[in-house]
Amino acid sequence: METLPLELLDQIITNVAIFDREDGLCNLRLVNKQFNNLTTPKTFASISLWLGSKSLRKLAELSKHRGIVQYVKAIRFSPLQFHTPHDARQSSSLKYHELEKQVERGEIEPSQLLQYVDDDTQHGRFLKAQELLYTSSAVNRVLKAAFQRLDMVRTIDIVLDCRITGSNELTTTFNMLDCNRYRWDQDNPLPFLFEALDALPSPLSTFRFRYDNDTTSNHQTKYLKRSRKKVAYEASYLGTRMLALYTKKIDWTRLEDLELHYSERAQHDYQNHEDGFDQYLAATADIFRKSSRLKSLRLQVPSNALASDLWNSHAFNRLMGEIPLSRLTSLALLDLSIWIVDLLTKLIKERTFTPRTIYLECFDEAAYWASFLEAQRRIQWNDLKSFRMCFFSGESWRCCYDVTSYVRMQTEENPLDPGINDDGDGIADS
């Protein structure tokens, strides 16, 4: 093992980190002293957190270990919450009788009935412990004490529907975990995190408030199940309300990388949608005003389905007017519609904006944006390395185009021209 070149060992560790970060890296640390030394920085570069007792205890213990704290650069937070559905007692009884019938038919072993009873009892204990955490000062005290010791943390990554964080704790606690026993609650857990951010010794350089795009894994059994029903429709309103309440209390002066999502279902969510949309705009603008160092921005720009296109364009114009462009080199805008073309053109042509990468994600036909793209052509794109546009159709299919050569006037063929792309020359991403 000692004779292997460091480059090969580093590649092994990198591959494990990609495919099995949680357990794989921890197991590699146990191989020998060399692997321990090489793996530790990547193992603890980002720590996952949710408001479960084991997760909080792990955070507290790690924060006291100086040999580990020096490597912790990021905290990945999930608003996962264990809960009891309104019809829990009835569904529990129905589940038990259903299992009884399966035993009678010889489909399952009788021992599975006992396992269900054990899990149901454990559920009650787990839920009571969580309620005590939330109603006492324990969560605040643990988070603030731990954060005070994490002097290298510069990144907060809030994944609003993360299926990984907390999955090990729940799946090892319950052998038969009912997906109705947990949810991603943006109303209760987020204030605990935001309140504790003041305790971090250093201002944030990266802040992400987003939905999980990771739908693949070699270890699917480790992932909590998610469906559109799993994140309540009011979640976008609750999450942005929490964001709006706390943006004024956070130090954004050193922020360089910002990612903000409103809701992956914004166009379907009409209850509280208008208030949530307004608070999202207000929170985003407030962060912009305080982040003059911003270098990278990834922003979802959903339209308010209850308002007119005119109101939407004014709202977008106000928001884009707040973006600090002087240092911005990477811009990604999501959920764009054709009605913002003129405003977007004005933004991109700002003299102070010298991007290296631009990514635009649209919910229109590519042909609708052909004239917009033509208006972006100029020889002054000296620093531009990548300009990509993706167009969604439905929920799973998209067609992407690399338009860099066209806007830099290195080719005369407009990639979005219907005459050129009748056969679908875009890069299709599934």
Protein backbone atom coordinates (compact mmCIF):
# COMPACT_ATOMS: atom_id res chain seq x y z
CA MET A 1 0.00 0.00 0.00
CA GLU A 2 2.83 2.39 0.89
CA THR A 3 4.33 1.96 -2.58
CA LEU A 4 1.26 3.31 -4.41
CA PRO A 5 1.74 6.84 -5.80
CA LEU A 6 -0.14 9.62 -3.96
CA GLU A 7 -1.95 10.56 -7.18
CA LEU A 8 -3.53 7.08 -7.37
CA LEU A 9 -4.48 7.10 -3.69
CA ASP A 10 -6.04 10.54 -4.10
CA GLN A 11 -8.05 9.31 -7.10
CA ILE A 12 -9.34 6.34 -5.06
CA ILE A 13 -10.44 8.66 -2.27
CA THR A 14 -12.07 11.06 -4.73
CA ASN A 15 -14.08 8.26 -6.37
CA VAL A 16 -15.25 6.96 -2.99
CA ALA A 17 -16.27 10.50 -1.98
CA ILE A 18 -18.40 10.80 -5.12
CA PHE A 19 -20.23 7.47 -4.87
CA ASP A 20 -20.42 6.76 -1.14
CA ARG A 21 -19.37 9.80 0.86
CA GLU A 22 -21.04 8.97 4.19
CA ASP A 23 -19.80 5.42 4.83
CA GLY A 24 -17.13 4.97 2.19
CA LEU A 25 -14.77 7.67 3.44
CA CYS A 26 -15.23 6.61 7.06
CA ASN A 27 -14.33 3.04 6.13
CA LEU A 28 -11.25 4.19 4.21
CA ARG A 29 -9.99 5.98 7.31
CA LEU A 30 -9.86 2.61 9.05
CA VAL A 31 -7.62 0.93 6.43
CA ASN A 32 -4.33 2.22 7.83
CA LYS A 33 -2.64 5.36 9.10
CA GLN A 34 -1.80 6.57 5.60
CA PHE A 35 -5.40 6.36 4.42
CA ASN A 36 -6.56 7.98 7.64
CA ASN A 37 -4.29 10.98 7.06
CA LEU A 38 -5.27 11.29 3.40
CA THR A 39 -9.00 10.75 3.88
CA THR A 40 -9.72 12.83 6.98
CA PRO A 41 -9.70 16.25 5.21
CA LYS A 42 -12.29 15.11 2.65
CA THR A 43 -14.35 13.14 5.18
CA PHE A 44 -14.97 16.20 7.32
CA ALA A 45 -14.80 18.99 4.74
CA SER A 46 -18.61 19.07 4.81
CA ILE A 47 -20.70 17.77 7.71
CA SER A 48 -24.38 16.91 7.40
CA LEU A 49 -26.84 18.07 10.03
CA TRP A 50 -30.49 17.67 10.88
CA LEU A 51 -32.23 18.24 14.19
CA GLY A 52 -32.14 14.64 15.39
CA SER A 53 -30.51 13.76 18.69
CA LYS A 54 -27.77 11.59 17.14
CA SER A 55 -26.97 14.21 14.52
CA LEU A 56 -26.71 16.96 17.14
CA ARG A 57 -24.60 14.77 19.41
CA LYS A 58 -22.23 13.99 16.52
CA LEU A 59 -21.91 17.71 15.75
CA ALA A 60 -21.11 18.50 19.39
CA GLU A 61 -18.44 15.79 19.56
CA LEU A 62 -16.80 16.74 16.26
CA SER A 63 -16.64 20.41 17.24
CA LYS A 64 -14.52 19.51 20.29
CA HIS A 65 -11.96 17.59 18.23
CA ARG A 66 -9.33 20.12 17.12
CA GLY A 67 -7.78 17.64 14.72
CA ILE A 68 -11.07 17.48 12.84
CA VAL A 69 -12.42 21.03 13.23
CA GLN A 70 -9.59 22.42 11.09
CA TYR A 71 -11.00 20.57 8.06
CA VAL A 72 -14.69 21.48 8.45
CA LYS A 73 -15.47 24.07 5.77
CA ALA A 74 -19.20 23.53 5.17
CA ILE A 75 -22.43 22.53 6.91
CA ARG A 76 -25.12 20.77 4.90
CA PHE A 77 -28.47 21.18 6.66
CA SER A 78 -31.74 19.36 6.10
CA PRO A 79 -35.07 20.47 7.64
CA LEU A 80 -35.99 16.80 8.06
CA GLN A 81 -38.45 16.17 10.88
CA PHE A 82 -39.87 12.99 12.35
CA HIS A 83 -43.61 13.39 12.88
CA THR A 84 -46.95 11.73 13.48
CA PRO A 85 -49.52 11.99 10.67
CA HIS A 86 -53.00 13.19 11.63
CA ASP A 87 -54.38 9.72 10.99
CA ALA A 88 -51.43 7.92 12.61
CA ARG A 89 -53.47 5.81 15.05
CA GLN A 90 -55.87 4.66 12.36
CA SER A 91 -53.10 3.96 9.80
CA SER A 92 -51.09 2.07 12.43
CA SER A 93 -54.07 -0.18 13.14
CA LEU A 94 -54.74 -0.72 9.44
CA LYS A 95 -51.11 -1.56 8.83
CA TYR A 96 -51.13 -4.12 11.64
CA HIS A 97 -54.27 -5.84 10.30
CA GLU A 98 -52.84 -5.84 6.80
CA LEU A 99 -49.72 -7.59 8.08
CA GLU A 100 -51.91 -10.08 9.98
CA LYS A 101 -53.63 -11.03 6.74
CA GLN A 102 -50.28 -11.44 5.01
CA VAL A 103 -49.17 -13.80 7.80
CA GLU A 104 -52.37 -15.83 7.39
CA ARG A 105 -51.72 -16.12 3.65
CA GLY A 106 -48.16 -17.19 4.34
CA GLU A 107 -46.72 -14.17 2.50
CA ILE A 108 -44.57 -12.98 5.43
CA GLU A 109 -43.13 -14.45 8.60
CA PRO A 110 -44.94 -13.87 11.93
CA SER A 111 -41.74 -12.24 13.23
CA GLN A 112 -42.46 -9.25 10.97
CA LEU A 113 -45.56 -8.55 13.03
CA LEU A 114 -43.40 -8.33 16.13
CA GLN A 115 -40.97 -6.09 14.29
CA TYR A 116 -43.81 -3.76 13.38
CA VAL A 117 -44.95 -3.56 17.01
CA ASP A 118 -41.38 -2.80 18.12
CA ASP A 119 -40.98 -0.10 15.49
CA ASP A 120 -44.33 1.46 16.37
CA THR A 121 -43.27 1.64 20.03
CA GLN A 122 -39.88 3.02 19.06
CA HIS A 123 -41.61 5.63 16.94
CA GLY A 124 -43.42 6.96 20.02
CA ARG A 125 -40.16 7.22 21.98
CA PHE A 126 -38.35 8.86 19.07
CA LEU A 127 -41.12 11.41 18.56
CA LYS A 128 -41.21 12.31 22.26
CA ALA A 129 -37.44 12.85 22.30
CA GLN A 130 -37.69 15.14 19.28
CA GLU A 131 -40.48 17.16 20.87
CA LEU A 132 -38.34 17.63 23.98
CA LEU A 133 -35.47 18.84 21.80
CA TYR A 134 -37.67 21.40 20.09
CA THR A 135 -39.40 22.70 23.21
CA SER A 136 -36.30 22.91 25.39
CA SER A 137 -33.23 25.08 24.87
CA ALA A 138 -31.08 22.04 24.03
CA VAL A 139 -31.01 22.57 20.26
CA ASN A 140 -30.03 26.24 20.52
CA ARG A 141 -27.34 25.54 23.09
CA VAL A 142 -25.80 22.63 21.17
CA LEU A 143 -25.80 24.45 17.82
CA LYS A 144 -24.35 27.70 19.15
CA ALA A 145 -21.68 25.99 21.26
CA ALA A 146 -20.61 23.82 18.31
CA PHE A 147 -20.69 26.65 15.76
CA GLN A 148 -18.47 28.81 17.97
CA ARG A 149 -15.73 26.19 17.61
CA LEU A 150 -16.11 25.74 13.82
CA ASP A 151 -13.85 28.63 12.90
CA MET A 152 -13.16 27.38 9.35
CA VAL A 153 -16.81 27.09 8.25
CA ARG A 154 -17.63 29.50 5.41
CA THR A 155 -20.40 27.54 3.64
CA ILE A 156 -24.01 26.86 4.65
CA ASP A 157 -25.88 24.54 2.28
CA ILE A 158 -29.58 24.24 3.14
CA VAL A 159 -31.10 21.40 1.09
CA LEU A 160 -34.83 21.77 1.56
CA ASP A 161 -35.73 18.19 0.65
CA CYS A 162 -32.45 16.33 1.20
CA ARG A 163 -32.97 12.55 1.05
CA ILE A 164 -29.50 11.65 2.37
CA THR A 165 -29.08 13.63 5.59
CA GLY A 166 -30.79 11.78 8.41
CA SER A 167 -31.44 8.65 6.36
CA ASN A 168 -28.86 6.51 8.18
CA GLU A 169 -30.18 7.54 11.57
CA LEU A 170 -33.79 6.76 10.71
CA THR A 171 -33.22 3.57 8.71
CA THR A 172 -31.00 2.08 11.44
CA THR A 173 -33.47 3.06 14.17
CA PHE A 174 -36.48 1.60 12.37
CA ASN A 175 -36.30 -1.65 10.45
CA MET A 176 -39.68 -0.93 8.87
CA LEU A 177 -39.64 2.84 8.27
CA ASP A 178 -42.98 4.12 6.99
CA CYS A 179 -42.45 7.09 4.66
CA ASN A 180 -45.40 8.82 6.37
CA ARG A 181 -43.30 9.07 9.54
CA TYR A 182 -41.05 11.84 8.29
CA ARG A 183 -41.25 15.02 6.27
CA TRP A 184 -39.18 18.05 5.32
CA ASP A 185 -40.54 20.84 7.51
CA GLN A 186 -39.32 24.31 6.59
CA ASP A 187 -41.21 26.07 9.36
CA ASN A 188 -39.82 24.58 12.59
CA PRO A 189 -36.16 23.50 12.06
CA LEU A 190 -34.90 26.49 10.00
CA PRO A 191 -35.16 29.11 12.80
CA PHE A 192 -32.85 27.00 14.99
CA LEU A 193 -30.20 27.03 12.26
CA PHE A 194 -30.56 30.72 11.39
CA GLU A 195 -30.38 31.75 15.05
CA ALA A 196 -27.16 29.77 15.50
CA LEU A 197 -25.39 31.24 12.45
CA ASP A 198 -24.46 34.30 14.51
CA ALA A 199 -22.18 32.05 16.55
CA LEU A 200 -19.94 31.20 13.57
CA PRO A 201 -16.60 33.01 14.03
CA SER A 202 -16.32 34.00 10.34
CA PRO A 203 -18.79 35.53 7.83
CA LEU A 204 -20.17 33.22 5.15
CA SER A 205 -18.58 33.07 1.70
CA THR A 206 -21.12 30.57 0.29
CA PHE A 207 -24.84 30.27 1.01
CA ARG A 208 -27.24 27.85 -0.68
CA PHE A 209 -30.98 27.59 -0.11
CA ARG A 210 -32.08 24.98 -2.60
CA TYR A 211 -33.89 21.81 -3.57
CA ASP A 212 -32.06 18.52 -4.06
CA ASN A 213 -31.27 17.70 -7.69
CA ASP A 214 -29.45 14.47 -6.82
CA THR A 215 -31.72 11.70 -8.07
CA THR A 216 -29.06 9.03 -8.61
CA SER A 217 -27.08 6.91 -6.21
CA ASN A 218 -25.38 3.55 -6.17
CA HIS A 219 -26.93 2.99 -2.75
CA GLN A 220 -30.58 3.86 -3.19
CA THR A 221 -31.58 2.06 0.03
CA LYS A 222 -29.81 4.78 2.00
CA TYR A 223 -32.06 7.45 0.54
CA LEU A 224 -35.32 8.52 2.11
CA LYS A 225 -38.24 8.25 -0.26
CA ARG A 226 -39.49 11.47 -1.75
CA SER A 227 -42.49 12.36 -3.84
CA ARG A 228 -44.20 15.62 -4.62
CA LYS A 229 -46.46 14.99 -1.64
CA LYS A 230 -43.47 14.60 0.69
CA VAL A 231 -42.71 18.33 0.69
CA ALA A 232 -45.96 20.03 1.59
CA TYR A 233 -47.34 22.54 -0.90
CA GLU A 234 -47.06 25.32 1.66
CA ALA A 235 -43.34 24.57 2.04
CA SER A 236 -42.27 27.24 -0.46
CA TYR A 237 -44.15 29.85 1.55
CA LEU A 238 -42.80 28.67 4.92
CA GLY A 239 -39.21 28.34 3.72
CA THR A 240 -39.09 31.78 2.12
CA ARG A 241 -40.79 33.28 5.17
CA MET A 242 -37.99 31.93 7.36
CA LEU A 243 -35.40 33.18 4.86
CA ALA A 244 -36.94 36.66 4.79
CA LEU A 245 -37.06 36.85 8.60
CA TYR A 246 -33.38 36.07 9.07
CA THR A 247 -31.56 37.59 6.07
CA LYS A 248 -31.29 40.91 7.90
CA LYS A 249 -29.51 39.24 10.84
CA ILE A 250 -26.79 37.44 8.84
CA ASP A 251 -23.48 39.02 7.82
CA TRP A 252 -23.34 38.86 4.01
CA THR A 253 -20.38 41.21 3.52
CA ARG A 254 -17.98 38.38 2.53
CA LEU A 255 -20.46 36.40 0.43
CA GLU A 256 -19.03 35.22 -2.91
CA ASP A 257 -21.26 32.30 -3.93
CA LEU A 258 -25.06 32.44 -3.65
CA GLU A 259 -27.74 29.94 -4.70
CA LEU A 260 -31.43 30.55 -3.99
CA HIS A 261 -34.46 28.48 -4.99
CA TYR A 262 -38.08 29.40 -4.45
CA SER A 263 -39.90 26.13 -5.00
CA GLU A 264 -39.68 23.18 -7.38
CA ARG A 265 -43.48 23.31 -7.54
CA ALA A 266 -44.01 27.08 -7.55
CA GLN A 267 -46.24 27.00 -10.60
CA HIS A 268 -48.57 24.48 -8.92
CA ASP A 269 -48.69 26.04 -5.47
CA TYR A 270 -51.41 28.69 -5.22
CA GLN A 271 -52.02 28.62 -1.49
CA ASN A 272 -49.86 31.33 0.10
CA HIS A 273 -48.01 31.61 -3.21
CA GLU A 274 -48.34 35.38 -3.53
CA ASP A 275 -47.02 36.13 -0.04
CA GLY A 276 -44.23 33.58 -0.43
CA PHE A 277 -43.19 35.07 -3.76
CA ASP A 278 -43.04 38.60 -2.32
CA GLN A 279 -40.96 37.42 0.63
CA TYR A 280 -38.60 35.54 -1.68
CA LEU A 281 -38.02 38.70 -3.72
CA ALA A 282 -37.51 40.77 -0.56
CA ALA A 283 -35.05 38.29 0.97
CA THR A 284 -33.08 37.99 -2.27
CA ALA A 285 -32.85 41.75 -2.74
CA ASP A 286 -31.74 42.18 0.88
CA ILE A 287 -28.88 39.72 0.38
CA PHE A 288 -27.85 41.44 -2.87
CA ARG A 289 -27.58 44.82 -1.17
CA LYS A 290 -25.12 43.45 1.39
CA SER A 291 -22.99 41.20 -0.82
CA SER A 292 -20.75 43.48 -2.88
CA ARG A 293 -18.16 40.68 -3.25
CA LEU A 294 -20.52 38.29 -5.05
CA LYS A 295 -18.76 36.25 -7.75
CA SER A 296 -21.21 33.43 -8.48
CA LEU A 297 -25.02 33.56 -8.53
CA ARG A 298 -27.49 30.76 -9.18
CA LEU A 299 -31.02 32.09 -8.83
CA GLN A 300 -34.47 30.71 -9.48
CA VAL A 301 -36.69 33.41 -10.98
CA PRO A 302 -40.24 32.05 -10.77
CA SER A 303 -43.12 34.11 -12.02
CA ASN A 304 -45.98 34.95 -9.71
CA ALA A 305 -48.77 32.89 -11.26
CA LEU A 306 -51.37 35.19 -9.70
CA ALA A 307 -50.01 38.37 -11.27
CA SER A 308 -49.84 39.77 -14.78
CA ASP A 309 -46.78 39.60 -17.01
CA LEU A 310 -46.39 43.35 -16.55
CA TRP A 311 -46.18 42.98 -12.76
CA ASN A 312 -43.75 40.07 -13.17
CA SER A 313 -41.47 42.08 -15.45
CA HIS A 314 -41.41 44.99 -12.99
CA ALA A 315 -40.61 42.61 -10.12
CA PHE A 316 -37.81 40.97 -12.09
CA ASN A 317 -36.44 44.37 -13.14
CA ARG A 318 -36.30 45.54 -9.52
CA LEU A 319 -34.62 42.33 -8.42
CA MET A 320 -32.05 42.29 -11.23
CA GLY A 321 -31.27 45.93 -10.48
CA GLU A 322 -30.04 44.85 -7.05
CA ILE A 323 -27.51 42.27 -8.32
CA PRO A 324 -23.96 43.40 -7.54
CA LEU A 325 -22.29 43.00 -10.94
CA SER A 326 -18.82 44.44 -10.36
CA ARG A 327 -17.23 41.08 -9.39
CA LEU A 328 -19.82 38.64 -10.74
CA THR A 329 -18.24 36.11 -13.12
CA SER A 330 -20.78 33.26 -13.04
CA LEU A 331 -24.53 33.72 -13.57
CA ALA A 332 -27.20 31.00 -13.64
CA LEU A 333 -30.88 31.92 -13.85
CA LEU A 334 -33.56 29.22 -13.54
CA ASP A 335 -37.25 29.02 -14.50
CA LEU A 336 -37.06 31.88 -16.98
CA SER A 337 -39.98 32.77 -19.24
CA ILE A 338 -39.95 34.65 -22.51
CA TRP A 339 -41.47 37.78 -20.95
CA ILE A 340 -38.16 38.74 -19.32
CA VAL A 341 -36.13 38.79 -22.55
CA ASP A 342 -35.73 42.59 -22.76
CA LEU A 343 -34.81 42.93 -19.11
CA LEU A 344 -32.33 40.05 -19.32
CA THR A 345 -30.68 41.60 -22.38
CA LYS A 346 -30.29 44.85 -20.50
CA LEU A 347 -28.69 43.03 -17.56
CA ILE A 348 -26.21 41.08 -19.69
CA LYS A 349 -25.15 44.21 -21.58
CA GLU A 350 -24.22 46.11 -18.41
CA ARG A 351 -20.65 47.36 -18.85
CA THR A 352 -19.66 46.33 -15.33
CA PHE A 353 -20.72 42.72 -15.99
CA THR A 354 -17.87 40.62 -17.41
CA PRO A 355 -19.03 37.00 -17.06
CA ARG A 356 -17.02 33.86 -17.62
CA THR A 357 -20.02 31.50 -17.48
CA ILE A 358 -23.72 32.06 -18.15
CA TYR A 359 -26.40 29.40 -17.76
CA LEU A 360 -30.07 30.09 -18.55
CA GLU A 361 -32.82 27.55 -17.86
CA CYS A 362 -36.10 28.26 -19.64
CA PHE A 363 -39.62 26.85 -19.75
CA ASP A 364 -40.27 27.84 -23.36
CA GLU A 365 -39.56 26.45 -26.78
CA ALA A 366 -35.98 27.12 -27.84
CA ALA A 367 -37.14 28.94 -30.98
CA TYR A 368 -38.80 31.64 -28.86
CA TRP A 369 -35.34 32.69 -27.64
CA ALA A 370 -33.60 32.83 -31.02
CA SER A 371 -33.90 36.61 -31.37
CA PHE A 372 -32.73 37.10 -27.78
CA LEU A 373 -29.59 35.09 -28.49
CA GLU A 374 -28.93 37.04 -31.68
CA ALA A 375 -29.00 40.27 -29.64
CA GLN A 376 -26.19 38.96 -27.41
CA ARG A 377 -23.67 38.60 -30.23
CA ARG A 378 -20.60 40.80 -29.85
CA ILE A 379 -16.84 40.54 -30.11
CA GLN A 380 -16.36 41.99 -26.63
CA TRP A 381 -16.99 38.62 -24.93
CA ASN A 382 -13.29 38.40 -24.11
CA ASP A 383 -13.66 36.57 -20.80
CA LEU A 384 -16.67 34.41 -21.67
CA LYS A 385 -15.79 30.70 -21.47
CA SER A 386 -19.25 29.13 -21.47
CA PHE A 387 -22.78 30.25 -22.39
CA ARG A 388 -25.36 27.46 -22.15
CA MET A 389 -29.15 27.49 -22.47
CA CYS A 390 -31.48 24.65 -21.44
CA PHE A 391 -35.15 24.29 -22.32
CA PHE A 392 -37.52 22.11 -20.33
CA SER A 393 -40.50 20.28 -21.71
CA GLY A 394 -42.62 18.68 -19.02
CA GLU A 395 -40.74 17.57 -15.91
CA SER A 396 -38.01 15.16 -16.97
CA TRP A 397 -36.75 16.02 -20.46
CA ARG A 398 -34.59 18.93 -21.49
CA CYS A 399 -32.56 20.03 -24.46
CA CYS A 400 -29.39 22.05 -23.87
CA TYR A 401 -27.40 24.18 -26.25
CA ASP A 402 -23.86 25.48 -25.99
CA VAL A 403 -24.23 28.91 -27.59
CA THR A 404 -20.76 30.23 -26.70
CA SER A 405 -19.34 30.22 -30.24
CA TYR A 406 -22.42 31.96 -31.62
CA VAL A 407 -22.52 34.86 -29.13
CA ARG A 408 -18.74 35.32 -29.52
CA MET A 409 -19.33 35.63 -33.29
CA GLN A 410 -17.20 32.60 -34.10
CA THR A 411 -20.05 31.07 -36.13
CA GLU A 412 -23.02 32.48 -38.04
CA GLU A 413 -25.45 29.65 -37.26
CA ASN A 414 -27.87 30.48 -34.45
CA PRO A 415 -28.23 27.23 -32.43
CA LEU A 416 -31.80 28.18 -31.48
CA ASP A 417 -32.95 28.87 -35.03
CA PRO A 418 -35.81 26.42 -35.84
CA GLY A 419 -34.37 25.91 -39.32
CA ILE A 420 -31.11 24.62 -37.85
CA ASN A 421 -32.56 22.52 -35.05
CA ASP A 422 -35.50 20.84 -36.74
CA ASP A 423 -33.76 17.54 -36.10
CA GLY A 424 -32.96 18.35 -32.47
CA ASP A 425 -29.28 19.23 -32.61
CA GLY A 426 -29.22 20.34 -28.99
CA ILE A 427 -27.52 18.27 -26.36
CA ALA A 428 -30.24 16.25 -24.71
CA ASP A 429 -29.85 15.70 -20.97
CA SER A 430 -32.08 13.19 -19.26
